[in-house]
Amino acid sequence: MCLAVPGKIIEIYQKQELKMAKVDFSGVTREACIEHVPEAKIGDYAIIHVGFAISLLSEEEAQQSIDLLREIIEAGELEDEEPV
């Protein structure tokens, strides 16, 4: 199963000629490439998949997705998944 997760862009910078961002995933920060969403700015929420921002979304949409992911994790529904 592939999973894209919403995160909040908290910093934007250049790295090896690529537009990059530090993204906050509910307290965990990771680096992501944001070249595919050039309009992204600090404070925006982005869907991140394998280190790349693939789209932007509203804060409300991001929170709904985060809440749903928490429900799935709490229900233990991800534990039975077979690795691909």
PDB file of N, CA and C in Angstrom:
ATOM      1  N   MET A   1       0.847  -1.169   0.000  1.00  0.00           N
ATOM      2  CA  MET A   1       0.000   0.000   0.000  1.00  0.00           C
ATOM      3  C   MET A   1       0.892   1.232   0.000  1.00  0.00           C
ATOM      4  N   CYS A   2       0.563   2.195  -0.831  1.00  0.00           N
ATOM      5  CA  CYS A   2       1.261   3.474  -0.855  1.00  0.00           C
ATOM      6  C   CYS A   2       0.444   4.477  -0.059  1.00  0.00           C
ATOM      7  N   LEU A   3       1.133   5.392   0.577  1.00  0.00           N
ATOM      8  CA  LEU A   3       0.445   6.354   1.414  1.00  0.00           C
ATOM      9  C   LEU A   3       1.045   7.740   1.216  1.00  0.00           C
ATOM     10  N   ALA A   4       0.208   8.708   0.980  1.00  0.00           N
ATOM     11  CA  ALA A   4       0.636  10.113   0.931  1.00  0.00           C
ATOM     12  C   ALA A   4       0.039  10.780   2.157  1.00  0.00           C
ATOM     13  N   VAL A   5       0.838  11.594   2.829  1.00  0.00           N
ATOM     14  CA  VAL A   5       0.442  12.157   4.118  1.00  0.00           C
ATOM     15  C   VAL A   5       0.485  13.677   4.067  1.00  0.00           C
ATOM     16  N   PRO A   6      -0.523  14.351   4.642  1.00  0.00           N
ATOM     17  CA  PRO A   6      -0.494  15.808   4.670  1.00  0.00           C
ATOM     18  C   PRO A   6       0.456  16.329   5.743  1.00  0.00           C
ATOM     19  N   GLY A   7       1.152  17.406   5.409  1.00  0.00           N
ATOM     20  CA  GLY A   7       2.040  18.057   6.359  1.00  0.00           C
ATOM     21  C   GLY A   7       2.053  19.555   6.120  1.00  0.00           C
ATOM     22  N   LYS A   8       2.463  20.306   7.130  1.00  0.00           N
ATOM     23  CA  LYS A   8       2.503  21.768   7.051  1.00  0.00           C
ATOM     24  C   LYS A   8       3.917  22.225   6.719  1.00  0.00           C
ATOM     25  N   ILE A   9       4.032  23.050   5.698  1.00  0.00           N
ATOM     26  CA  ILE A   9       5.330  23.584   5.285  1.00  0.00           C
ATOM     27  C   ILE A   9       5.750  24.655   6.292  1.00  0.00           C
ATOM     28  N   ILE A  10       6.918  24.436   6.923  1.00  0.00           N
ATOM     29  CA  ILE A  10       7.373  25.377   7.942  1.00  0.00           C
ATOM     30  C   ILE A  10       8.645  26.124   7.536  1.00  0.00           C
ATOM     31  N   GLU A  11       9.276  25.677   6.456  1.00  0.00           N
ATOM     32  CA  GLU A  11      10.478  26.349   5.962  1.00  0.00           C
ATOM     33  C   GLU A  11      10.652  25.989   4.489  1.00  0.00           C
ATOM     34  N   ILE A  12      11.119  26.944   3.685  1.00  0.00           N
ATOM     35  CA  ILE A  12      11.376  26.714   2.258  1.00  0.00           C
ATOM     36  C   ILE A  12      12.798  27.163   1.964  1.00  0.00           C
ATOM     37  N   TYR A  13      13.513  26.357   1.163  1.00  0.00           N
ATOM     38  CA  TYR A  13      14.903  26.676   0.830  1.00  0.00           C
ATOM     39  C   TYR A  13      15.309  25.954  -0.449  1.00  0.00           C
ATOM     40  N   GLN A  14      16.442  26.325  -0.987  1.00  0.00           N
ATOM     41  CA  GLN A  14      17.020  25.675  -2.164  1.00  0.00           C
ATOM     42  C   GLN A  14      18.060  24.656  -1.706  1.00  0.00           C
ATOM     43  N   LYS A  15      18.101  23.521  -2.382  1.00  0.00           N
ATOM     44  CA  LYS A  15      19.111  22.495  -2.103  1.00  0.00           C
ATOM     45  C   LYS A  15      19.467  21.846  -3.431  1.00  0.00           C
ATOM     46  N   GLN A  16      20.680  21.999  -3.836  1.00  0.00           N
ATOM     47  CA  GLN A  16      21.149  21.463  -5.113  1.00  0.00           C
ATOM     48  C   GLN A  16      20.197  21.841  -6.247  1.00  0.00           C
ATOM     49  N   GLU A  17      19.869  23.121  -6.301  1.00  0.00           N
ATOM     50  CA  GLU A  17      19.010  23.702  -7.331  1.00  0.00           C
ATOM     51  C   GLU A  17      17.561  23.208  -7.312  1.00  0.00           C
ATOM     52  N   LEU A  18      17.144  22.581  -6.229  1.00  0.00           N
ATOM     53  CA  LEU A  18      15.763  22.133  -6.087  1.00  0.00           C
ATOM     54  C   LEU A  18      15.080  22.934  -4.987  1.00  0.00           C
ATOM     55  N   LYS A  19      13.801  23.239  -5.192  1.00  0.00           N
ATOM     56  CA  LYS A  19      13.019  23.922  -4.166  1.00  0.00           C
ATOM     57  C   LYS A  19      12.596  22.861  -3.140  1.00  0.00           C
ATOM     58  N   MET A  20      13.060  23.043  -1.905  1.00  0.00           N
ATOM     59  CA  MET A  20      12.821  22.069  -0.849  1.00  0.00           C
ATOM     60  C   MET A  20      12.069  22.730   0.301  1.00  0.00           C
ATOM     61  N   ALA A  21      11.530  21.890   1.189  1.00  0.00           N
ATOM     62  CA  ALA A  21      10.822  22.406   2.351  1.00  0.00           C
ATOM     63  C   ALA A  21      11.046  21.497   3.544  1.00  0.00           C
ATOM     64  N   LYS A  22      10.978  22.104   4.707  1.00  0.00           N
ATOM     65  CA  LYS A  22      10.881  21.340   5.941  1.00  0.00           C
ATOM     66  C   LYS A  22       9.385  21.262   6.225  1.00  0.00           C
ATOM     67  N   VAL A  23       8.894  20.047   6.436  1.00  0.00           N
ATOM     68  CA  VAL A  23       7.462  19.822   6.582  1.00  0.00           C
ATOM     69  C   VAL A  23       7.177  19.195   7.942  1.00  0.00           C
ATOM     70  N   ASP A  24       6.174  19.726   8.630  1.00  0.00           N
ATOM     71  CA  ASP A  24       5.776  19.240   9.946  1.00  0.00           C
ATOM     72  C   ASP A  24       4.594  18.285   9.796  1.00  0.00           C
ATOM     73  N   PHE A  25       4.820  17.041  10.221  1.00  0.00           N
ATOM     74  CA  PHE A  25       3.775  16.020  10.216  1.00  0.00           C
ATOM     75  C   PHE A  25       3.355  15.776  11.658  1.00  0.00           C
ATOM     76  N   SER A  26       2.523  16.633  12.199  1.00  0.00           N
ATOM     77  CA  SER A  26       2.029  16.504  13.579  1.00  0.00           C
ATOM     78  C   SER A  26       3.157  16.340  14.586  1.00  0.00           C
ATOM     79  N   GLY A  27       4.174  17.178  14.465  1.00  0.00           N
ATOM     80  CA  GLY A  27       5.272  17.151  15.414  1.00  0.00           C
ATOM     81  C   GLY A  27       6.537  16.487  14.919  1.00  0.00           C
ATOM     82  N   VAL A  28       6.467  15.747  13.846  1.00  0.00           N
ATOM     83  CA  VAL A  28       7.641  15.117  13.241  1.00  0.00           C
ATOM     84  C   VAL A  28       7.982  15.912  11.990  1.00  0.00           C
ATOM     85  N   THR A  29       9.221  16.387  11.879  1.00  0.00           N
ATOM     86  CA  THR A  29       9.592  17.163  10.708  1.00  0.00           C
ATOM     87  C   THR A  29      10.471  16.348   9.776  1.00  0.00           C
ATOM     88  N   ARG A  30      10.231  16.531   8.489  1.00  0.00           N
ATOM     89  CA  ARG A  30      10.986  15.851   7.444  1.00  0.00           C
ATOM     90  C   ARG A  30      11.212  16.827   6.293  1.00  0.00           C
ATOM     91  N   GLU A  31      12.179  16.505   5.461  1.00  0.00           N
ATOM     92  CA  GLU A  31      12.476  17.291   4.277  1.00  0.00           C
ATOM     93  C   GLU A  31      11.687  16.730   3.097  1.00  0.00           C
ATOM     94  N   ALA A  32      11.186  17.623   2.243  1.00  0.00           N
ATOM     95  CA  ALA A  32      10.464  17.198   1.048  1.00  0.00           C
ATOM     96  C   ALA A  32      10.775  18.136  -0.106  1.00  0.00           C
ATOM     97  N   CYS A  33      10.796  17.600  -1.297  1.00  0.00           N
ATOM     98  CA  CYS A  33      10.954  18.394  -2.508  1.00  0.00           C
ATOM     99  C   CYS A  33       9.594  18.989  -2.871  1.00  0.00           C
ATOM    100  N   ILE A  34       9.571  20.302  -3.133  1.00  0.00           N
ATOM    101  CA  ILE A  34       8.296  20.947  -3.482  1.00  0.00           C
ATOM    102  C   ILE A  34       8.332  21.534  -4.890  1.00  0.00           C
ATOM    103  N   GLU A  35       9.196  21.018  -5.739  1.00  0.00           N
ATOM    104  CA  GLU A  35       9.289  21.487  -7.133  1.00  0.00           C
ATOM    105  C   GLU A  35       7.968  21.335  -7.880  1.00  0.00           C
ATOM    106  N   HIS A  36       7.164  20.323  -7.566  1.00  0.00           N
ATOM    107  CA  HIS A  36       5.906  20.075  -8.291  1.00  0.00           C
ATOM    108  C   HIS A  36       4.770  20.990  -7.840  1.00  0.00           C
ATOM    109  N   VAL A  37       4.998  21.739  -6.763  1.00  0.00           N
ATOM    110  CA  VAL A  37       4.004  22.712  -6.295  1.00  0.00           C
ATOM    111  C   VAL A  37       4.715  24.059  -6.087  1.00  0.00           C
ATOM    112  N   PRO A  38       5.114  24.699  -7.184  1.00  0.00           N
ATOM    113  CA  PRO A  38       5.918  25.924  -7.082  1.00  0.00           C
ATOM    114  C   PRO A  38       5.214  27.067  -6.359  1.00  0.00           C
ATOM    115  N   GLU A  39       3.899  27.016  -6.268  1.00  0.00           N
ATOM    116  CA  GLU A  39       3.143  28.076  -5.596  1.00  0.00           C
ATOM    117  C   GLU A  39       3.137  27.908  -4.072  1.00  0.00           C
ATOM    118  N   ALA A  40       3.695  26.814  -3.574  1.00  0.00           N
ATOM    119  CA  ALA A  40       3.700  26.534  -2.137  1.00  0.00           C
ATOM    120  C   ALA A  40       4.438  27.623  -1.370  1.00  0.00           C
ATOM    121  N   LYS A  41       3.889  27.940  -0.188  1.00  0.00           N
ATOM    122  CA  LYS A  41       4.529  28.924   0.677  1.00  0.00           C
ATOM    123  C   LYS A  41       4.468  28.429   2.127  1.00  0.00           C
ATOM    124  N   ILE A  42       5.253  29.064   2.977  1.00  0.00           N
ATOM    125  CA  ILE A  42       5.264  28.688   4.390  1.00  0.00           C
ATOM    126  C   ILE A  42       3.855  28.818   4.955  1.00  0.00           C
ATOM    127  N   GLY A  43       3.423  27.795   5.686  1.00  0.00           N
ATOM    128  CA  GLY A  43       2.078  27.769   6.261  1.00  0.00           C
ATOM    129  C   GLY A  43       1.096  26.944   5.463  1.00  0.00           C
ATOM    130  N   ASP A  44       1.432  26.646   4.198  1.00  0.00           N
ATOM    131  CA  ASP A  44       0.566  25.800   3.366  1.00  0.00           C
ATOM    132  C   ASP A  44       0.663  24.347   3.815  1.00  0.00           C
ATOM    133  N   TYR A  45      -0.372  23.601   3.501  1.00  0.00           N
ATOM    134  CA  TYR A  45      -0.370  22.158   3.728  1.00  0.00           C
ATOM    135  C   TYR A  45      -0.191  21.461   2.386  1.00  0.00           C
ATOM    136  N   ALA A  46       0.634  20.424   2.377  1.00  0.00           N
ATOM    137  CA  ALA A  46       0.908  19.685   1.144  1.00  0.00           C
ATOM    138  C   ALA A  46       0.764  18.189   1.408  1.00  0.00           C
ATOM    139  N   ILE A  47       0.376  17.470   0.370  1.00  0.00           N
ATOM    140  CA  ILE A  47       0.365  16.010   0.417  1.00  0.00           C
ATOM    141  C   ILE A  47       1.763  15.560  -0.001  1.00  0.00           C
ATOM    142  N   ILE A  48       2.426  14.785   0.858  1.00  0.00           N
ATOM    143  CA  ILE A  48       3.789  14.331   0.603  1.00  0.00           C
ATOM    144  C   ILE A  48       3.774  12.822   0.376  1.00  0.00           C
ATOM    145  N   HIS A  49       4.403  12.418  -0.709  1.00  0.00           N
ATOM    146  CA  HIS A  49       4.532  10.987  -1.040  1.00  0.00           C
ATOM    147  C   HIS A  49       5.995  10.720  -1.370  1.00  0.00           C
ATOM    148  N   VAL A  50       6.607   9.822  -0.646  1.00  0.00           N
ATOM    149  CA  VAL A  50       8.020   9.445  -0.780  1.00  0.00           C
ATOM    150  C   VAL A  50       8.948  10.652  -0.940  1.00  0.00           C
ATOM    151  N   GLY A  51       8.713  11.677  -0.115  1.00  0.00           N
ATOM    152  CA  GLY A  51       9.594  12.833  -0.101  1.00  0.00           C
ATOM    153  C   GLY A  51       9.302  13.917  -1.113  1.00  0.00           C
ATOM    154  N   PHE A  52       8.201  13.795  -1.827  1.00  0.00           N
ATOM    155  CA  PHE A  52       7.830  14.791  -2.836  1.00  0.00           C
ATOM    156  C   PHE A  52       6.423  15.316  -2.555  1.00  0.00           C
ATOM    157  N   ALA A  53       6.276  16.641  -2.593  1.00  0.00           N
ATOM    158  CA  ALA A  53       4.948  17.240  -2.482  1.00  0.00           C
ATOM    159  C   ALA A  53       4.234  17.026  -3.820  1.00  0.00           C
ATOM    160  N   ILE A  54       3.040  16.458  -3.755  1.00  0.00           N
ATOM    161  CA  ILE A  54       2.309  16.190  -4.998  1.00  0.00           C
ATOM    162  C   ILE A  54       1.101  17.098  -5.191  1.00  0.00           C
ATOM    163  N   SER A  55       0.668  17.759  -4.113  1.00  0.00           N
ATOM    164  CA  SER A  55      -0.430  18.721  -4.230  1.00  0.00           C
ATOM    165  C   SER A  55      -0.544  19.516  -2.939  1.00  0.00           C
ATOM    166  N   LEU A  56      -1.246  20.625  -3.027  1.00  0.00           N
ATOM    167  CA  LEU A  56      -1.546  21.439  -1.853  1.00  0.00           C
ATOM    168  C   LEU A  56      -2.995  21.208  -1.464  1.00  0.00           C
ATOM    169  N   LEU A  57      -3.301  21.442  -0.196  1.00  0.00           N
ATOM    170  CA  LEU A  57      -4.673  21.324   0.259  1.00  0.00           C
ATOM    171  C   LEU A  57      -4.898  22.322   1.384  1.00  0.00           C
ATOM    172  N   SER A  58      -6.158  22.561   1.696  1.00  0.00           N
ATOM    173  CA  SER A  58      -6.499  23.520   2.743  1.00  0.00           C
ATOM    174  C   SER A  58      -6.176  22.925   4.111  1.00  0.00           C
ATOM    175  N   GLU A  59      -6.099  23.788   5.104  1.00  0.00           N
ATOM    176  CA  GLU A  59      -5.862  23.318   6.473  1.00  0.00           C
ATOM    177  C   GLU A  59      -6.982  22.382   6.921  1.00  0.00           C
ATOM    178  N   GLU A  60      -8.209  22.701   6.548  1.00  0.00           N
ATOM    179  CA  GLU A  60      -9.352  21.864   6.916  1.00  0.00           C
ATOM    180  C   GLU A  60      -9.239  20.470   6.286  1.00  0.00           C
ATOM    181  N   GLU A  61      -8.905  20.411   5.001  1.00  0.00           N
ATOM    182  CA  GLU A  61      -8.733  19.114   4.337  1.00  0.00           C
ATOM    183  C   GLU A  61      -7.587  18.325   4.963  1.00  0.00           C
ATOM    184  N   ALA A  62      -6.502  19.013   5.288  1.00  0.00           N
ATOM    185  CA  ALA A  62      -5.356  18.345   5.918  1.00  0.00           C
ATOM    186  C   ALA A  62      -5.766  17.757   7.259  1.00  0.00           C
ATOM    187  N   GLN A  63      -6.486  18.530   8.068  1.00  0.00           N
ATOM    188  CA  GLN A  63      -6.896  18.042   9.391  1.00  0.00           C
ATOM    189  C   GLN A  63      -7.843  16.852   9.274  1.00  0.00           C
ATOM    190  N   GLN A  64      -8.732  16.876   8.304  1.00  0.00           N
ATOM    191  CA  GLN A  64      -9.636  15.737   8.094  1.00  0.00           C
ATOM    192  C   GLN A  64      -8.838  14.482   7.749  1.00  0.00           C
ATOM    193  N   SER A  65      -7.836  14.622   6.894  1.00  0.00           N
ATOM    194  CA  SER A  65      -6.998  13.483   6.515  1.00  0.00           C
ATOM    195  C   SER A  65      -6.204  12.965   7.708  1.00  0.00           C
ATOM    196  N   ILE A  66      -5.638  13.875   8.487  1.00  0.00           N
ATOM    197  CA  ILE A  66      -4.871  13.481   9.676  1.00  0.00           C
ATOM    198  C   ILE A  66      -5.769  12.752  10.669  1.00  0.00           C
ATOM    199  N   ASP A  67      -6.964  13.274  10.889  1.00  0.00           N
ATOM    200  CA  ASP A  67      -7.912  12.623  11.806  1.00  0.00           C
ATOM    201  C   ASP A  67      -8.267  11.221  11.325  1.00  0.00           C
ATOM    202  N   LEU A  68      -8.495  11.069  10.028  1.00  0.00           N
ATOM    203  CA  LEU A  68      -8.825   9.762   9.468  1.00  0.00           C
ATOM    204  C   LEU A  68      -7.657   8.781   9.622  1.00  0.00           C
ATOM    205  N   LEU A  69      -6.435   9.245   9.361  1.00  0.00           N
ATOM    206  CA  LEU A  69      -5.257   8.387   9.534  1.00  0.00           C
ATOM    207  C   LEU A  69      -5.112   7.942  10.988  1.00  0.00           C
ATOM    208  N   ARG A  70      -5.359   8.851  11.923  1.00  0.00           N
ATOM    209  CA  ARG A  70      -5.302   8.485  13.351  1.00  0.00           C
ATOM    210  C   ARG A  70      -6.337   7.419  13.688  1.00  0.00           C
ATOM    211  N   GLU A  71      -7.543   7.567  13.159  1.00  0.00           N
ATOM    212  CA  GLU A  71      -8.595   6.572  13.396  1.00  0.00           C
ATOM    213  C   GLU A  71      -8.185   5.200  12.872  1.00  0.00           C
ATOM    214  N   ILE A  72      -7.604   5.176  11.681  1.00  0.00           N
ATOM    215  CA  ILE A  72      -7.162   3.913  11.078  1.00  0.00           C
ATOM    216  C   ILE A  72      -6.084   3.266  11.936  1.00  0.00           C
ATOM    217  N   ILE A  73      -5.117   4.071  12.390  1.00  0.00           N
ATOM    218  CA  ILE A  73      -4.031   3.544  13.213  1.00  0.00           C
ATOM    219  C   ILE A  73      -4.575   3.027  14.538  1.00  0.00           C
ATOM    220  N   GLU A  74      -5.445   3.794  15.175  1.00  0.00           N
ATOM    221  CA  GLU A  74      -6.018   3.384  16.458  1.00  0.00           C
ATOM    222  C   GLU A  74      -6.849   2.109  16.327  1.00  0.00           C
ATOM    223  N   ALA A  75      -7.477   1.935  15.197  1.00  0.00           N
ATOM    224  CA  ALA A  75      -8.283   0.733  14.961  1.00  0.00           C
ATOM    225  C   ALA A  75      -7.421  -0.465  14.612  1.00  0.00           C
ATOM    226  N   GLY A  76      -6.131  -0.233  14.386  1.00  0.00           N
ATOM    227  CA  GLY A  76      -5.226  -1.324  14.049  1.00  0.00           C
ATOM    228  C   GLY A  76      -5.388  -1.850  12.643  1.00  0.00           C
ATOM    229  N   GLU A  77      -6.025  -1.082  11.776  1.00  0.00           N
ATOM    230  CA  GLU A  77      -6.306  -1.542  10.423  1.00  0.00           C
ATOM    231  C   GLU A  77      -5.077  -1.621   9.537  1.00  0.00           C
ATOM    232  N   LEU A  78      -3.991  -0.924   9.879  1.00  0.00           N
ATOM    233  CA  LEU A  78      -2.791  -0.969   9.067  1.00  0.00           C
ATOM    234  C   LEU A  78      -1.877  -2.132   9.422  1.00  0.00           C
ATOM    235  N   GLU A  79      -2.070  -2.707  10.594  1.00  0.00           N
ATOM    236  CA  GLU A  79      -1.188  -3.757  11.066  1.00  0.00           C
ATOM    237  C   GLU A  79      -1.256  -5.036  10.229  1.00  0.00           C
ATOM    238  N   ASP A  80      -2.391  -5.321   9.627  1.00  0.00           N
ATOM    239  CA  ASP A  80      -2.577  -6.568   8.874  1.00  0.00           C
ATOM    240  C   ASP A  80      -2.143  -6.458   7.419  1.00  0.00           C
ATOM    241  N   GLU A  81      -1.706  -5.283   6.976  1.00  0.00           N
ATOM    242  CA  GLU A  81      -1.313  -5.090   5.594  1.00  0.00           C
ATOM    243  C   GLU A  81      -0.044  -5.852   5.275  1.00  0.00           C
ATOM    244  N   GLU A  82      -0.029  -6.511   4.134  1.00  0.00           N
ATOM    245  CA  GLU A  82       1.152  -7.204   3.640  1.00  0.00           C
ATOM    246  C   GLU A  82       2.028  -6.205   2.893  1.00  0.00           C
ATOM    247  N   PRO A  83       3.345  -6.240   3.117  1.00  0.00           N
ATOM    248  CA  PRO A  83       4.214  -5.342   2.352  1.00  0.00           C
ATOM    249  C   PRO A  83       4.169  -5.680   0.868  1.00  0.00           C
ATOM    250  N   VAL A  84       4.273  -4.649   0.060  1.00  0.00           N
ATOM    251  CA  VAL A  84       4.238  -4.861  -1.386  1.00  0.00           C
ATOM    252  C   VAL A  84       5.630  -5.049  -1.902  1.00  0.00           C
TER     253      VAL A  84
END
